Amino acid sequence: MNRIARVVVMSVVLMCLAVPAFAAEGAAANEFTMKTGAAIGAGIAIALAAFGGAIGQGRSVAAALEGIARNPEASGKVLVPMILGLALIESLVIYALIIAFQLSGKL
């Protein structure tokens, strides 16, 4: 695991541990904790989805272009499945955006 991945994982762990540390007694504090958790969850969901989608799209386009560079006659056979794959990857990011909007709507 590289250094950036370790920093991201540790940041997420620390954010998850910080919410219960500031919790107080009572129903108002529980509601605050739930709203805070939903806001953090929405932010993390869209951030991870965008990061994963960008990595997936970059790798798929790089592989397709490398295949076309090695065999230019196969560009017609590679282009359509690549675009279909990019659309499916982007749909997963849009699902995460919808979930983030639903979580932020509960605030």
N, C-alpha and C. Protein backbone atom coordinates (compact mmCIF):
# COMPACT_ATOMS: atom_id res chain seq x y z
N MET A 1 0.86 -1.17 0.00
CA MET A 1 0.00 0.00 0.00
C MET A 1 0.90 1.24 0.00
N ASN A 2 0.65 2.14 -0.91
CA ASN A 2 1.53 3.30 -1.00
C ASN A 2 1.18 4.33 0.07
N ARG A 3 1.94 5.37 0.12
CA ARG A 3 1.83 6.36 1.19
C ARG A 3 0.51 7.12 1.15
N ILE A 4 0.04 7.49 -0.03
CA ILE A 4 -1.21 8.25 -0.15
C ILE A 4 -2.39 7.40 0.32
N ALA A 5 -2.39 6.13 -0.03
CA ALA A 5 -3.47 5.25 0.40
C ALA A 5 -3.49 5.11 1.91
N ARG A 6 -2.32 5.02 2.52
CA ARG A 6 -2.26 4.93 3.99
C ARG A 6 -2.79 6.19 4.64
N VAL A 7 -2.46 7.34 4.07
CA VAL A 7 -2.94 8.61 4.63
C VAL A 7 -4.46 8.69 4.51
N VAL A 8 -5.01 8.27 3.39
CA VAL A 8 -6.46 8.31 3.20
C VAL A 8 -7.15 7.37 4.19
N VAL A 9 -6.64 6.16 4.34
CA VAL A 9 -7.24 5.20 5.25
C VAL A 9 -7.17 5.71 6.69
N MET A 10 -6.06 6.26 7.09
CA MET A 10 -5.93 6.77 8.46
C MET A 10 -6.84 7.98 8.67
N SER A 11 -7.01 8.82 7.67
CA SER A 11 -7.91 9.97 7.80
C SER A 11 -9.34 9.52 8.01
N VAL A 12 -9.77 8.52 7.25
CA VAL A 12 -11.13 8.01 7.39
C VAL A 12 -11.33 7.39 8.77
N VAL A 13 -10.35 6.62 9.24
CA VAL A 13 -10.45 6.00 10.55
C VAL A 13 -10.53 7.06 11.64
N LEU A 14 -9.70 8.08 11.55
CA LEU A 14 -9.72 9.13 12.56
C LEU A 14 -11.03 9.92 12.53
N MET A 15 -11.58 10.15 11.34
CA MET A 15 -12.87 10.85 11.26
C MET A 15 -13.98 10.02 11.89
N CYS A 16 -13.93 8.71 11.68
CA CYS A 16 -14.96 7.85 12.26
C CYS A 16 -14.85 7.77 13.78
N LEU A 17 -13.64 7.85 14.30
CA LEU A 17 -13.46 7.80 15.74
C LEU A 17 -13.75 9.14 16.42
N ALA A 18 -13.69 10.24 15.68
CA ALA A 18 -13.89 11.55 16.28
C ALA A 18 -15.35 11.82 16.60
N VAL A 19 -16.28 11.26 15.85
CA VAL A 19 -17.70 11.53 16.07
C VAL A 19 -18.16 11.04 17.44
N PRO A 20 -17.88 9.78 17.85
CA PRO A 20 -18.33 9.36 19.19
C PRO A 20 -17.58 10.08 20.32
N ALA A 21 -16.41 10.58 20.05
CA ALA A 21 -15.64 11.24 21.11
C ALA A 21 -16.31 12.52 21.57
N PHE A 22 -17.02 13.20 20.67
CA PHE A 22 -17.68 14.45 21.03
C PHE A 22 -19.16 14.28 21.34
N ALA A 23 -19.63 13.05 21.44
CA ALA A 23 -21.04 12.81 21.72
C ALA A 23 -21.35 13.15 23.17
N ALA A 24 -22.49 13.77 23.38
CA ALA A 24 -22.94 14.10 24.73
C ALA A 24 -24.17 13.26 25.04
N GLU A 25 -24.68 13.40 26.25
CA GLU A 25 -25.85 12.64 26.67
C GLU A 25 -27.12 13.29 26.14
N GLY A 26 -28.15 12.48 25.90
CA GLY A 26 -29.45 13.02 25.54
C GLY A 26 -29.81 12.80 24.09
N ALA A 27 -31.08 13.07 23.77
CA ALA A 27 -31.60 12.86 22.42
C ALA A 27 -31.06 13.88 21.44
N ALA A 28 -30.85 15.12 21.90
CA ALA A 28 -30.34 16.15 20.99
C ALA A 28 -28.93 15.80 20.53
N ALA A 29 -28.13 15.28 21.45
CA ALA A 29 -26.77 14.90 21.08
C ALA A 29 -26.78 13.71 20.12
N ASN A 30 -27.72 12.78 20.34
CA ASN A 30 -27.83 11.63 19.45
C ASN A 30 -28.24 12.06 18.04
N GLU A 31 -29.17 13.03 17.96
CA GLU A 31 -29.58 13.55 16.66
C GLU A 31 -28.42 14.28 15.98
N PHE A 32 -27.65 15.03 16.77
CA PHE A 32 -26.48 15.72 16.22
C PHE A 32 -25.48 14.72 15.69
N THR A 33 -25.25 13.64 16.43
CA THR A 33 -24.30 12.62 16.02
C THR A 33 -24.77 11.95 14.73
N MET A 34 -26.07 11.69 14.62
CA MET A 34 -26.59 11.05 13.41
C MET A 34 -26.46 11.99 12.21
N LYS A 35 -26.74 13.27 12.40
CA LYS A 35 -26.60 14.22 11.30
C LYS A 35 -25.15 14.39 10.89
N THR A 36 -24.28 14.41 11.88
CA THR A 36 -22.86 14.53 11.58
C THR A 36 -22.36 13.30 10.84
N GLY A 37 -22.79 12.13 11.28
CA GLY A 37 -22.40 10.89 10.61
C GLY A 37 -22.91 10.82 9.19
N ALA A 38 -24.16 11.31 8.98
CA ALA A 38 -24.71 11.30 7.62
C ALA A 38 -23.95 12.26 6.72
N ALA A 39 -23.57 13.41 7.26
CA ALA A 39 -22.81 14.38 6.46
C ALA A 39 -21.43 13.83 6.11
N ILE A 40 -20.78 13.22 7.06
CA ILE A 40 -19.46 12.64 6.81
C ILE A 40 -19.58 11.48 5.83
N GLY A 41 -20.62 10.65 6.01
CA GLY A 41 -20.83 9.52 5.10
C GLY A 41 -21.08 9.97 3.67
N ALA A 42 -21.86 11.05 3.52
CA ALA A 42 -22.13 11.57 2.18
C ALA A 42 -20.85 12.07 1.52
N GLY A 43 -20.05 12.79 2.28
CA GLY A 43 -18.79 13.29 1.74
C GLY A 43 -17.82 12.19 1.37
N ILE A 44 -17.70 11.20 2.24
CA ILE A 44 -16.79 10.09 1.97
C ILE A 44 -17.28 9.26 0.79
N ALA A 45 -18.61 9.07 0.70
CA ALA A 45 -19.16 8.25 -0.39
C ALA A 45 -18.86 8.87 -1.75
N ILE A 46 -19.10 10.15 -1.88
CA ILE A 46 -18.88 10.78 -3.19
C ILE A 46 -17.39 10.91 -3.49
N ALA A 47 -16.59 11.13 -2.45
CA ALA A 47 -15.14 11.24 -2.68
C ALA A 47 -14.55 9.92 -3.14
N LEU A 48 -14.91 8.83 -2.46
CA LEU A 48 -14.39 7.52 -2.84
C LEU A 48 -14.92 7.08 -4.21
N ALA A 49 -16.18 7.40 -4.49
CA ALA A 49 -16.74 7.03 -5.79
C ALA A 49 -16.05 7.79 -6.91
N ALA A 50 -15.84 9.07 -6.71
CA ALA A 50 -15.16 9.86 -7.75
C ALA A 50 -13.72 9.38 -7.94
N PHE A 51 -13.05 9.08 -6.84
CA PHE A 51 -11.67 8.60 -6.91
C PHE A 51 -11.60 7.25 -7.63
N GLY A 52 -12.47 6.32 -7.23
CA GLY A 52 -12.47 5.00 -7.86
C GLY A 52 -12.88 5.06 -9.31
N GLY A 53 -13.87 5.90 -9.62
CA GLY A 53 -14.31 6.04 -11.00
C GLY A 53 -13.22 6.61 -11.89
N ALA A 54 -12.52 7.60 -11.37
CA ALA A 54 -11.43 8.22 -12.14
C ALA A 54 -10.30 7.22 -12.38
N ILE A 55 -9.97 6.45 -11.37
CA ILE A 55 -8.92 5.44 -11.53
C ILE A 55 -9.36 4.38 -12.56
N GLY A 56 -10.59 3.91 -12.44
CA GLY A 56 -11.09 2.90 -13.36
C GLY A 56 -11.16 3.39 -14.79
N GLN A 57 -11.64 4.61 -14.97
CA GLN A 57 -11.73 5.16 -16.32
C GLN A 57 -10.33 5.39 -16.91
N GLY A 58 -9.43 5.87 -16.11
CA GLY A 58 -8.07 6.09 -16.59
C GLY A 58 -7.39 4.80 -17.02
N ARG A 59 -7.56 3.76 -16.22
CA ARG A 59 -6.93 2.49 -16.56
C ARG A 59 -7.56 1.86 -17.80
N SER A 60 -8.89 1.97 -17.91
CA SER A 60 -9.54 1.36 -19.08
C SER A 60 -9.19 2.10 -20.37
N VAL A 61 -9.13 3.42 -20.32
CA VAL A 61 -8.76 4.18 -21.51
C VAL A 61 -7.30 3.92 -21.87
N ALA A 62 -6.44 3.84 -20.87
CA ALA A 62 -5.03 3.58 -21.15
C ALA A 62 -4.84 2.20 -21.80
N ALA A 63 -5.58 1.21 -21.29
CA ALA A 63 -5.47 -0.13 -21.88
C ALA A 63 -6.02 -0.16 -23.29
N ALA A 64 -7.12 0.55 -23.52
CA ALA A 64 -7.70 0.58 -24.88
C ALA A 64 -6.76 1.28 -25.85
N LEU A 65 -6.19 2.40 -25.43
CA LEU A 65 -5.27 3.10 -26.32
C LEU A 65 -4.00 2.31 -26.58
N GLU A 66 -3.55 1.59 -25.58
CA GLU A 66 -2.37 0.74 -25.79
C GLU A 66 -2.69 -0.38 -26.77
N GLY A 67 -3.88 -0.94 -26.66
CA GLY A 67 -4.29 -1.98 -27.60
C GLY A 67 -4.42 -1.45 -29.02
N ILE A 68 -4.96 -0.24 -29.15
CA ILE A 68 -5.09 0.37 -30.48
C ILE A 68 -3.71 0.70 -31.05
N ALA A 69 -2.79 1.14 -30.18
CA ALA A 69 -1.44 1.47 -30.64
C ALA A 69 -0.70 0.22 -31.13
N ARG A 70 -0.94 -0.90 -30.49
CA ARG A 70 -0.28 -2.13 -30.91
C ARG A 70 -0.90 -2.72 -32.16
N ASN A 71 -2.23 -2.52 -32.30
CA ASN A 71 -2.93 -3.08 -33.45
C ASN A 71 -3.95 -2.06 -33.94
N PRO A 72 -3.57 -1.14 -34.82
CA PRO A 72 -4.48 -0.07 -35.25
C PRO A 72 -5.74 -0.57 -35.96
N GLU A 73 -5.69 -1.76 -36.55
CA GLU A 73 -6.88 -2.28 -37.23
C GLU A 73 -7.98 -2.69 -36.25
N ALA A 74 -7.64 -2.87 -34.99
CA ALA A 74 -8.63 -3.30 -33.99
C ALA A 74 -9.32 -2.12 -33.31
N SER A 75 -9.10 -0.91 -33.80
CA SER A 75 -9.67 0.25 -33.12
C SER A 75 -11.19 0.22 -33.12
N GLY A 76 -11.80 -0.26 -34.18
CA GLY A 76 -13.26 -0.35 -34.23
C GLY A 76 -13.82 -1.36 -33.25
N LYS A 77 -13.07 -2.46 -33.03
CA LYS A 77 -13.53 -3.48 -32.10
C LYS A 77 -13.27 -3.09 -30.65
N VAL A 78 -12.33 -2.21 -30.41
CA VAL A 78 -11.98 -1.82 -29.04
C VAL A 78 -12.79 -0.62 -28.57
N LEU A 79 -13.14 0.26 -29.48
CA LEU A 79 -13.77 1.54 -29.12
C LEU A 79 -15.14 1.35 -28.48
N VAL A 80 -16.00 0.53 -29.06
CA VAL A 80 -17.37 0.37 -28.54
C VAL A 80 -17.38 -0.27 -27.15
N PRO A 81 -16.66 -1.37 -26.91
CA PRO A 81 -16.65 -1.91 -25.54
C PRO A 81 -16.02 -0.95 -24.52
N MET A 82 -15.03 -0.17 -24.97
CA MET A 82 -14.41 0.79 -24.05
C MET A 82 -15.43 1.85 -23.63
N ILE A 83 -16.18 2.39 -24.58
CA ILE A 83 -17.16 3.41 -24.25
C ILE A 83 -18.27 2.82 -23.39
N LEU A 84 -18.68 1.60 -23.64
CA LEU A 84 -19.67 0.94 -22.80
C LEU A 84 -19.15 0.77 -21.37
N GLY A 85 -17.91 0.35 -21.25
CA GLY A 85 -17.30 0.22 -19.92
C GLY A 85 -17.20 1.55 -19.20
N LEU A 86 -16.83 2.61 -19.92
CA LEU A 86 -16.77 3.94 -19.30
C LEU A 86 -18.15 4.39 -18.82
N ALA A 87 -19.18 4.09 -19.59
CA ALA A 87 -20.53 4.46 -19.17
C ALA A 87 -20.95 3.70 -17.91
N LEU A 88 -20.60 2.43 -17.82
CA LEU A 88 -20.93 1.66 -16.63
C LEU A 88 -20.15 2.16 -15.41
N ILE A 89 -18.91 2.51 -15.59
CA ILE A 89 -18.12 3.05 -14.48
C ILE A 89 -18.73 4.37 -14.02
N GLU A 90 -19.10 5.22 -14.96
CA GLU A 90 -19.68 6.51 -14.61
C GLU A 90 -21.04 6.34 -13.93
N SER A 91 -21.79 5.31 -14.29
CA SER A 91 -23.09 5.09 -13.64
C SER A 91 -22.91 4.76 -12.17
N LEU A 92 -21.84 4.05 -11.82
CA LEU A 92 -21.58 3.76 -10.41
C LEU A 92 -21.28 5.04 -9.63
N VAL A 93 -20.56 5.96 -10.25
CA VAL A 93 -20.28 7.24 -9.60
C VAL A 93 -21.57 8.04 -9.43
N ILE A 94 -22.45 7.98 -10.41
CA ILE A 94 -23.73 8.70 -10.31
C ILE A 94 -24.58 8.08 -9.20
N TYR A 95 -24.56 6.75 -9.03
CA TYR A 95 -25.28 6.12 -7.93
C TYR A 95 -24.76 6.63 -6.58
N ALA A 96 -23.47 6.76 -6.45
CA ALA A 96 -22.89 7.28 -5.21
C ALA A 96 -23.32 8.73 -4.98
N LEU A 97 -23.41 9.52 -6.06
CA LEU A 97 -23.87 10.90 -5.93
C LEU A 97 -25.31 10.94 -5.46
N ILE A 98 -26.15 10.06 -5.97
CA ILE A 98 -27.55 10.01 -5.54
C ILE A 98 -27.64 9.64 -4.07
N ILE A 99 -26.85 8.66 -3.64
CA ILE A 99 -26.85 8.28 -2.24
C ILE A 99 -26.36 9.42 -1.35
N ALA A 100 -25.35 10.14 -1.81
CA ALA A 100 -24.86 11.29 -1.05
C ALA A 100 -25.93 12.36 -0.94
N PHE A 101 -26.68 12.59 -2.01
CA PHE A 101 -27.78 13.57 -1.95
C PHE A 101 -28.87 13.10 -0.98
N GLN A 102 -29.17 11.81 -0.97
CA GLN A 102 -30.17 11.30 -0.05
C GLN A 102 -29.71 11.44 1.39
N LEU A 103 -28.44 11.15 1.65
CA LEU A 103 -27.93 11.31 3.01
C LEU A 103 -27.92 12.77 3.44
N SER A 104 -27.56 13.67 2.54
CA SER A 104 -27.54 15.10 2.90
C SER A 104 -28.96 15.64 3.03
N GLY A 105 -29.94 15.01 2.38
CA GLY A 105 -31.33 15.43 2.53
C GLY A 105 -31.89 15.11 3.90
N LYS A 106 -31.27 14.19 4.62
CA LYS A 106 -31.71 13.83 5.97
C LYS A 106 -31.17 14.79 7.01
N LEU A 107 -30.33 15.72 6.60
CA LEU A 107 -29.79 16.68 7.55
C LEU A 107 -30.85 17.66 7.85
